[in-house]
C-alpha cells in the first residue's frame, strides 16, 4: 500500500529525569536512551549527582581524561572513535558505573528524510518528514527532543504501509531531533535534526551530513526570497568564496571540508549574516561499490547474508534520487547517468555508494575494443609461430650436433670441428725423434740428418718434362737407395734444367 501523509496526532511529554536516573547516586546516563548507537547519531552523556552541588567535574573516555568540565557531553555526530566506556568524577569521587557505548558503522534499517522545509527554519516553523521501512510500519511511532523533553509523535498507520509522511508541530527550540522506532524499540530510523534561527538569513545545507565523494549544496537563504547583490561564504570564520550567487555546489566532498559554515549577504544596502552551521562528514562506515559496463552491479563484502539493495540516480547536483522497483544486486539502467546503491538487511542499512557513471554506447564500444585487442593478440601469435615453422622448413636448423669421434673410430662418429685459430703448432704433424736404440717405428718420420751434408745444397725433383720419363702431372719419387746420405734433390718446374744449386 502506498504511503500517505499523516498529521501529528498526539504529543506526550516525557521528562528528562526518566532518562537521567533522578534520585540515584552519581551515575553516567545517555540522553536520549538509545538501544543501539549508529553512525551519525546525536546524543548526550550526563553525570547525574543527587547532591546537585558540583565543585569540580572531570570526564574520562576509556580511562583517559577529557578536556571538559561540564556535567554534560554532547556527541553531535557519532563515529567509531566515540566507542568505549565513559565515566565521570566529581570532587575526586568517580561515578559508580562505566557506561559502555559501541557505535555501529551503519545506519538503522528504517529511513527518515526531510521532504519539505529547510534544515534551518524560522521559529514556529514546521517541516514534513517521510518515514520508510520496507518491512512495514505497523506499531511504529516517532519522537522529537526539544530541550530536555522527549515528545512522542503517534502515527496513524493503515494496513501494510511501508512509508508515510507527517508534518511536525511548530518548532520553538533552537534544536529539534526527530527519529522513529517500532513498539519494542528493537528497530528504529536514523535521526533528522532541524534547527531554528531568528536571523533573516540562513545557512542551508542539502543534505547534511555529507558522505565522502558525495555532493553537497550550500545555500545562503533569505526568508523574504529577495535577490542578493553579493554573497560571501565562510568556513571556520575564514572567507571561502565571494559571489553574486547565493548557491555554492560541492560536487565531491572530502574529509577536509568538515567544519562550521556561515554566510553573509548584501541586500538593498543591508548587510545580513547567518548563524554558523556545523557540517559533519561520514568518513568511515559500511559502503558498497557499484561497477559494470552493460549493466551495473552493487557489491558489499561486509554486509551479512540476506542483503537486498536500493538503487539511486544522481541528479545534476550529485544528490541521490531513489529508483523504485528494484531490490536486486544488478540492474539494467534506462539510460546514461550516474548511479549509486545502498545495501539493506534486517537490522541495518549502509551508506550510499559512490556514484558510477553509466553510458551504454561507451560500454559497447569498450567491449568491442577489448575483443579487437584480444583477436589482434591471437592473430599475432599465430603469424609468429607460422613464420618460425616456415623458416625452419626451408633452411633447416642453423646448427647440427656433430658426434665426437671415439678413439676406436666408428662410421657414425665425427671429429669435433675446432674454431679457427684454435690451433697453432698443432696444425702440422710432429716429426718424432728417432728412438735412441735406432729402431724405426711404423708411422713415424725420420729426422733429417745434418752430418755430411753440403751446406746450402739441395736437389730438386723436376716437374714433367724437366727430367723426362715421368707420368703426366707426376713427380719423381725420391729413391733413398741410390741417394747419398744427407743429400736431397729439389723438384724443379716443368721445363727447367735439373742440376745443383750452389
Foldseek 3Di string as FASTA:
>chain_A
DEAEEDEFDDKDKDFLCVQVVAPDAWDKTKPPDAPAAEFFAKIKIFTDHNVPDFDFKWKAFQNHTDPDTDRMDIDRTDDQVNFGWMWMAGPNRIGPDTDGHGYAQFFWQKAKDWDDDFLEAAFQDKTKIKIFHPQAQVQKWKWKDAPRIIIIGDDDDDDRYGMYMYMDGTHHGQKMKMWMAGNVSLGIGGIRIHGYDNFQWAWTKVPPQAEAQFKIKTFTDGPVRDAFCKKFKDFPNHTDDIDRHRMDIDGGDDQVSWGWMWMWTQDPNDIGIYDIDGHDYDDTGFEWEWDDAQKIFTDGPVDDPPKWKWKFFADPSRDTDTDPDGGHRIDGDPAWGWMWMWIHDDTGITDIHNTDTYHNVVSVVVVVVVVVVVVVVVVVVVVVVVVVVVVCVPPNDPDDDAADADPVGDPRHDHDDDDPPPDDVVVDDDADAADPVNDDDPPHDYDQDPPPADPPKAAQWEADQQVHDDDHPDTDDDDPVPDDHNYHHGYHYHPDHTDIDD
